[in-house]
Amino acid sequence: MKSILSLALIPIATLALTQCIVVDENGNVPGSTGGTGGTATQLPSNPTGFSQPLTSVNGQGTVVIMEGSRQLSVCRTASPNIEQTRWHQEQEQIAVKSRGNHGPATVQLFDTRSGRQLGTVMAYELANGGPAWAAGMGD
C-alpha cells in the first residue's frame, strides 16, 4: 500500500517542481530589475556599427573616443597640442592634427574602435597632395 501511494505522488511532485518560478521583489537576482514590470532587450552578439554617435575629447597628447558616456578608445598623438580632428569613413576612423609648442605638425589617422594608428604624414607635406584622409589639414 505504501509503494502505491509513493507511485501516485511522483507525478504530482514532478508537476509541482516544474511550476516553480522565482519572483524577485528586491532586485537580488542577477539580471532582474526587481519590482513589478520591466523590459527585456537583447543586443546582437557581434554589432556591426556603433549604437550611439561618437564624440572625441581632446587631451594633452591624446584624443579619447567616446560612445555616449562609455570610453571606446584612446588615440596617442605624435605631439601634445591637438589642433584639429576630423571623422573619416562614417566615424570608423579619425584624422588628428597635432603639434608641439613650436615646429611642424603631424597628421595621423586612427581606428576609432581600437585607437590604433593607421597612417601618418607631416602637415607640410600635404601642400603637394597626400592621402585623402588628410586633405585640408596641411600647413
Protein backbone atom coordinates (compact mmCIF):
# COMPACT_ATOMS: atom_id res chain seq x y z
CA MET A 1 0.00 0.00 0.00
CA LYS A 2 2.88 2.32 0.83
CA SER A 3 4.50 1.77 -2.60
CA ILE A 4 1.21 2.52 -4.42
CA LEU A 5 0.92 5.82 -2.51
CA SER A 6 4.55 6.69 -3.38
CA LEU A 7 3.93 5.94 -7.05
CA ALA A 8 0.86 8.18 -7.02
CA LEU A 9 2.82 11.08 -5.51
CA ILE A 10 5.65 11.03 -8.10
CA PRO A 11 3.63 12.67 -10.94
CA ILE A 12 2.23 15.26 -8.53
CA ALA A 13 5.67 16.13 -7.16
CA THR A 14 7.11 16.33 -10.69
CA LEU A 15 4.35 18.68 -11.83
CA ALA A 16 4.75 20.87 -8.74
CA LEU A 17 8.53 21.20 -9.22
CA THR A 18 8.23 22.19 -12.87
CA GLN A 19 5.92 25.03 -11.91
CA CYS A 20 8.45 26.76 -9.63
CA ILE A 21 9.37 30.33 -10.54
CA VAL A 22 11.46 32.95 -8.83
CA VAL A 23 9.85 36.28 -8.07
CA ASP A 24 12.46 38.89 -7.26
CA GLU A 25 10.91 41.79 -5.42
CA ASN A 26 14.20 43.39 -4.28
CA GLY A 27 16.44 43.10 -7.33
CA ASN A 28 18.68 40.44 -5.75
CA VAL A 29 18.66 38.00 -8.67
CA PRO A 30 21.31 38.92 -11.30
CA GLY A 31 19.74 40.19 -14.49
CA SER A 32 16.49 41.29 -12.86
CA THR A 33 15.34 44.78 -12.04
CA GLY A 34 13.06 43.93 -9.12
CA GLY A 35 9.63 45.45 -8.57
CA THR A 36 6.77 44.97 -10.95
CA GLY A 37 7.02 45.04 -14.70
CA GLY A 38 10.13 45.69 -16.77
CA THR A 39 11.51 45.20 -20.21
CA ALA A 40 14.00 42.86 -21.79
CA THR A 41 16.42 43.67 -24.58
CA GLN A 42 18.90 41.57 -26.44
CA LEU A 43 21.85 43.09 -28.22
CA PRO A 44 23.39 41.33 -31.18
CA SER A 45 26.45 39.29 -30.27
CA ASN A 46 28.58 40.97 -32.92
CA PRO A 47 27.40 44.54 -33.53
CA THR A 48 28.28 45.90 -36.95
CA GLY A 49 28.14 49.60 -36.08
CA PHE A 50 28.03 51.93 -33.16
CA SER A 51 24.89 52.22 -31.05
CA GLN A 52 25.38 55.97 -30.48
CA PRO A 53 27.20 58.74 -32.34
CA LEU A 54 30.85 59.01 -31.38
CA THR A 55 32.43 62.09 -29.85
CA SER A 56 36.08 62.97 -29.36
CA VAL A 57 37.60 64.60 -26.30
CA ASN A 58 40.98 66.26 -26.82
CA GLY A 59 43.57 65.95 -24.07
CA GLN A 60 47.29 66.63 -23.78
CA GLY A 61 48.69 64.27 -26.42
CA THR A 62 45.53 62.14 -26.53
CA VAL A 63 42.17 62.01 -28.21
CA VAL A 64 39.61 59.95 -26.29
CA ILE A 65 36.83 58.44 -28.40
CA MET A 66 33.51 58.23 -26.54
CA GLU A 67 30.37 56.29 -27.47
CA GLY A 68 27.75 58.06 -25.37
CA SER A 69 29.20 58.04 -21.86
CA ARG A 70 31.41 54.99 -22.50
CA GLN A 71 35.10 55.35 -23.40
CA LEU A 72 35.69 53.40 -26.59
CA SER A 73 39.41 54.02 -27.20
CA VAL A 74 42.34 56.38 -26.65
CA CYS A 75 44.46 57.67 -29.54
CA ARG A 76 48.02 58.74 -28.62
CA THR A 77 49.14 61.64 -30.80
CA ALA A 78 52.66 62.41 -32.02
CA SER A 79 52.66 65.83 -30.34
CA PRO A 80 50.92 67.19 -27.25
CA ASN A 81 48.83 70.05 -28.74
CA ILE A 82 45.76 68.90 -30.71
CA GLU A 83 44.94 71.47 -33.39
CA GLN A 84 42.24 69.71 -35.42
CA THR A 85 40.25 66.47 -35.58
CA ARG A 86 38.05 65.18 -38.36
CA TRP A 87 35.95 62.00 -38.69
CA HIS A 88 36.61 59.76 -41.66
CA GLN A 89 34.65 56.81 -43.14
CA GLU A 90 31.46 57.38 -41.11
CA GLN A 91 33.24 57.61 -37.74
CA GLU A 92 35.19 54.37 -38.25
CA GLN A 93 38.38 56.46 -38.37
CA ILE A 94 39.53 59.86 -37.11
CA ALA A 95 42.23 62.16 -38.51
CA VAL A 96 44.11 64.20 -35.89
CA LYS A 97 46.48 67.12 -36.45
CA SER A 98 48.87 67.72 -33.55
CA ARG A 99 51.88 69.94 -32.97
CA GLY A 100 54.42 70.70 -30.27
CA ASN A 101 54.81 74.19 -28.79
CA HIS A 102 56.69 75.07 -32.00
CA GLY A 103 57.75 73.24 -35.11
CA PRO A 104 55.95 71.13 -37.70
CA ALA A 105 52.57 69.48 -37.23
CA THR A 106 51.81 65.80 -37.72
CA VAL A 107 48.56 64.45 -39.15
CA GLN A 108 47.64 60.92 -38.03
CA LEU A 109 44.80 58.56 -38.92
CA PHE A 110 43.44 56.34 -36.13
CA ASP A 111 40.96 53.46 -35.94
CA THR A 112 38.17 54.66 -33.61
CA ARG A 113 37.40 51.22 -32.15
CA SER A 114 40.95 50.34 -31.08
CA GLY A 115 42.85 53.65 -31.08
CA ARG A 116 45.46 52.03 -33.34
CA GLN A 117 47.33 54.36 -35.68
CA LEU A 118 46.61 53.58 -39.34
CA GLY A 119 48.66 56.28 -41.05
CA THR A 120 50.78 59.38 -40.52
CA VAL A 121 52.00 62.29 -42.62
CA MET A 122 53.72 65.57 -41.84
CA ALA A 123 51.38 68.55 -42.32
CA TYR A 124 53.87 70.46 -44.51
CA GLU A 125 53.95 67.52 -46.96
CA LEU A 126 50.22 67.97 -47.66
CA ALA A 127 50.90 71.10 -49.74
CA ASN A 128 51.95 68.73 -52.55
CA GLY A 129 48.93 66.45 -52.12
CA GLY A 130 48.80 63.42 -49.88
CA PRO A 131 46.29 60.88 -48.63
CA ALA A 132 42.60 61.74 -48.96
CA TRP A 133 42.01 61.32 -45.22
CA ALA A 134 44.44 64.20 -44.52
CA ALA A 135 43.14 66.62 -47.16
CA GLY A 136 42.64 70.13 -45.82
CA MET A 137 44.78 69.57 -42.72
CA GLY A 138 48.08 70.81 -44.18
CA ASP A 139 50.19 73.80 -43.17
